[in-house]
């Protein structure tokens, strides 16, 4: 009887972890300010993905033209730090 109880518990945990979904990696590349979300419908359900490789909205929109896609600003964009300031030397 104990084996049956433990088996039921293990099965319940396994099903619960599958239904809750696995952790997903970050889809947004923080190096680029614009992302395109592509929706692909197909015979077998299709899918969607995010392509963050654009430097401007017009560039992304030109690529998305004619496709089931939309462009938006990347919420995780991390602009590069400004270059260090040089110290000014005073000439005598």
C-alpha atoms as a PDB file:
ATOM      1  CA  UNK A   1       0.000   0.000   0.000  1.00  0.00           C
ATOM      2  CA  UNK A   2       2.873   2.381   0.783  1.00  0.00           C
ATOM      3  CA  UNK A   3       4.404   1.765  -2.619  1.00  0.00           C
ATOM      4  CA  UNK A   4       1.119   2.702  -4.260  1.00  0.00           C
ATOM      5  CA  UNK A   5       0.890   5.930  -2.242  1.00  0.00           C
ATOM      6  CA  UNK A   6       4.476   6.928  -3.068  1.00  0.00           C
ATOM      7  CA  UNK A   7       3.919   6.099  -6.737  1.00  0.00           C
ATOM      8  CA  UNK A   8       0.790   8.251  -6.834  1.00  0.00           C
ATOM      9  CA  UNK A   9       2.670  11.114  -5.166  1.00  0.00           C
ATOM     10  CA  UNK A  10       5.593  10.849  -7.608  1.00  0.00           C
ATOM     11  CA  UNK A  11       3.215  10.748 -10.576  1.00  0.00           C
ATOM     12  CA  UNK A  12       1.337  13.787  -9.269  1.00  0.00           C
ATOM     13  CA  UNK A  13       4.557  15.768  -8.865  1.00  0.00           C
ATOM     14  CA  UNK A  14       5.729  14.830 -12.344  1.00  0.00           C
ATOM     15  CA  UNK A  15       2.437  15.837 -13.960  1.00  0.00           C
ATOM     16  CA  UNK A  16       2.356  19.052 -11.953  1.00  0.00           C
ATOM     17  CA  UNK A  17       5.818  20.072 -13.085  1.00  0.00           C
ATOM     18  CA  UNK A  18       4.945  19.418 -16.727  1.00  0.00           C
ATOM     19  CA  UNK A  19       1.703  21.378 -16.533  1.00  0.00           C
ATOM     20  CA  UNK A  20       3.296  24.332 -14.772  1.00  0.00           C
ATOM     21  CA  UNK A  21       5.725  24.722 -17.686  1.00  0.00           C
ATOM     22  CA  UNK A  22       9.464  24.821 -17.798  1.00  0.00           C
ATOM     23  CA  UNK A  23      11.445  27.987 -17.228  1.00  0.00           C
ATOM     24  CA  UNK A  24      12.120  29.904 -20.417  1.00  0.00           C
ATOM     25  CA  UNK A  25      15.313  31.702 -21.285  1.00  0.00           C
ATOM     26  CA  UNK A  26      15.152  35.436 -21.815  1.00  0.00           C
ATOM     27  CA  UNK A  27      13.972  36.034 -25.371  1.00  0.00           C
ATOM     28  CA  UNK A  28      15.057  39.659 -25.535  1.00  0.00           C
ATOM     29  CA  UNK A  29      18.654  40.424 -26.511  1.00  0.00           C
ATOM     30  CA  UNK A  30      19.714  43.435 -24.408  1.00  0.00           C
ATOM     31  CA  UNK A  31      22.233  44.532 -27.061  1.00  0.00           C
ATOM     32  CA  UNK A  32      19.588  45.792 -29.534  1.00  0.00           C
ATOM     33  CA  UNK A  33      16.907  48.463 -28.931  1.00  0.00           C
ATOM     34  CA  UNK A  34      14.189  46.999 -31.202  1.00  0.00           C
ATOM     35  CA  UNK A  35      12.562  43.552 -31.328  1.00  0.00           C
ATOM     36  CA  UNK A  36      10.274  41.887 -33.837  1.00  0.00           C
ATOM     37  CA  UNK A  37       7.714  39.369 -32.618  1.00  0.00           C
ATOM     38  CA  UNK A  38       6.937  36.900 -35.380  1.00  0.00           C
ATOM     39  CA  UNK A  39       3.727  34.869 -35.429  1.00  0.00           C
ATOM     40  CA  UNK A  40       3.837  31.802 -37.606  1.00  0.00           C
ATOM     41  CA  UNK A  41       0.654  29.868 -38.119  1.00  0.00           C
ATOM     42  CA  UNK A  42       0.912  26.567 -39.809  1.00  0.00           C
ATOM     43  CA  UNK A  43      -0.697  23.279 -40.399  1.00  0.00           C
ATOM     44  CA  UNK A  44       0.735  21.906 -37.168  1.00  0.00           C
ATOM     45  CA  UNK A  45       0.000  24.882 -34.942  1.00  0.00           C
ATOM     46  CA  UNK A  46       2.916  27.118 -35.881  1.00  0.00           C
ATOM     47  CA  UNK A  47       4.500  29.173 -33.176  1.00  0.00           C
ATOM     48  CA  UNK A  48       5.943  32.524 -32.335  1.00  0.00           C
ATOM     49  CA  UNK A  49       9.365  33.865 -31.545  1.00  0.00           C
ATOM     50  CA  UNK A  50      11.103  37.131 -30.794  1.00  0.00           C
ATOM     51  CA  UNK A  51      13.988  38.446 -32.882  1.00  0.00           C
ATOM     52  CA  UNK A  52      15.890  41.267 -31.169  1.00  0.00           C
ATOM     53  CA  UNK A  53      18.491  42.140 -33.780  1.00  0.00           C
ATOM     54  CA  UNK A  54      17.333  45.543 -35.032  1.00  0.00           C
ATOM     55  CA  UNK A  55      18.821  48.967 -34.421  1.00  0.00           C
ATOM     56  CA  UNK A  56      15.750  51.033 -35.366  1.00  0.00           C
ATOM     57  CA  UNK A  57      11.984  50.720 -35.730  1.00  0.00           C
ATOM     58  CA  UNK A  58      12.053  51.519 -39.497  1.00  0.00           C
ATOM     59  CA  UNK A  59      14.627  48.752 -40.044  1.00  0.00           C
ATOM     60  CA  UNK A  60      12.481  46.255 -38.137  1.00  0.00           C
ATOM     61  CA  UNK A  61       9.258  47.354 -39.875  1.00  0.00           C
ATOM     62  CA  UNK A  62      10.853  46.927 -43.286  1.00  0.00           C
ATOM     63  CA  UNK A  63      11.777  43.358 -42.378  1.00  0.00           C
ATOM     64  CA  UNK A  64       8.340  42.663 -40.876  1.00  0.00           C
ATOM     65  CA  UNK A  65       6.496  43.997 -43.922  1.00  0.00           C
ATOM     66  CA  UNK A  66       4.266  41.329 -45.440  1.00  0.00           C
ATOM     67  CA  UNK A  67       4.718  38.960 -42.512  1.00  0.00           C
ATOM     68  CA  UNK A  68       2.627  38.197 -39.464  1.00  0.00           C
ATOM     69  CA  UNK A  69       4.940  40.204 -37.245  1.00  0.00           C
ATOM     70  CA  UNK A  70       5.112  43.370 -35.185  1.00  0.00           C
ATOM     71  CA  UNK A  71       7.963  45.569 -34.009  1.00  0.00           C
ATOM     72  CA  UNK A  72       8.361  47.156 -30.607  1.00  0.00           C
ATOM     73  CA  UNK A  73      11.014  48.676 -28.394  1.00  0.00           C
ATOM     74  CA  UNK A  74      13.064  46.173 -26.426  1.00  0.00           C
ATOM     75  CA  UNK A  75      12.139  46.507 -22.738  1.00  0.00           C
ATOM     76  CA  UNK A  76      15.476  44.952 -21.736  1.00  0.00           C
ATOM     77  CA  UNK A  77      17.714  47.118 -23.934  1.00  0.00           C
ATOM     78  CA  UNK A  78      20.869  48.144 -22.099  1.00  0.00           C
ATOM     79  CA  UNK A  79      22.591  50.961 -23.990  1.00  0.00           C
ATOM     80  CA  UNK A  80      26.374  50.832 -23.998  1.00  0.00           C
ATOM     81  CA  UNK A  81      28.050  52.979 -21.353  1.00  0.00           C
ATOM     82  CA  UNK A  82      29.332  56.350 -22.530  1.00  0.00           C
ATOM     83  CA  UNK A  83      33.039  56.536 -23.325  1.00  0.00           C
ATOM     84  CA  UNK A  84      35.204  57.727 -20.445  1.00  0.00           C
ATOM     85  CA  UNK A  85      35.871  61.430 -20.371  1.00  0.00           C
ATOM     86  CA  UNK A  86      39.418  62.478 -20.953  1.00  0.00           C
ATOM     87  CA  UNK A  87      40.995  64.777 -18.447  1.00  0.00           C
ATOM     88  CA  UNK A  88      41.730  68.196 -19.893  1.00  0.00           C
ATOM     89  CA  UNK A  89      45.305  69.335 -19.635  1.00  0.00           C
ATOM     90  CA  UNK A  90      46.049  72.942 -19.098  1.00  0.00           C
ATOM     91  CA  UNK A  91      48.938  74.225 -21.098  1.00  0.00           C
ATOM     92  CA  UNK A  92      51.222  76.777 -19.448  1.00  0.00           C
END
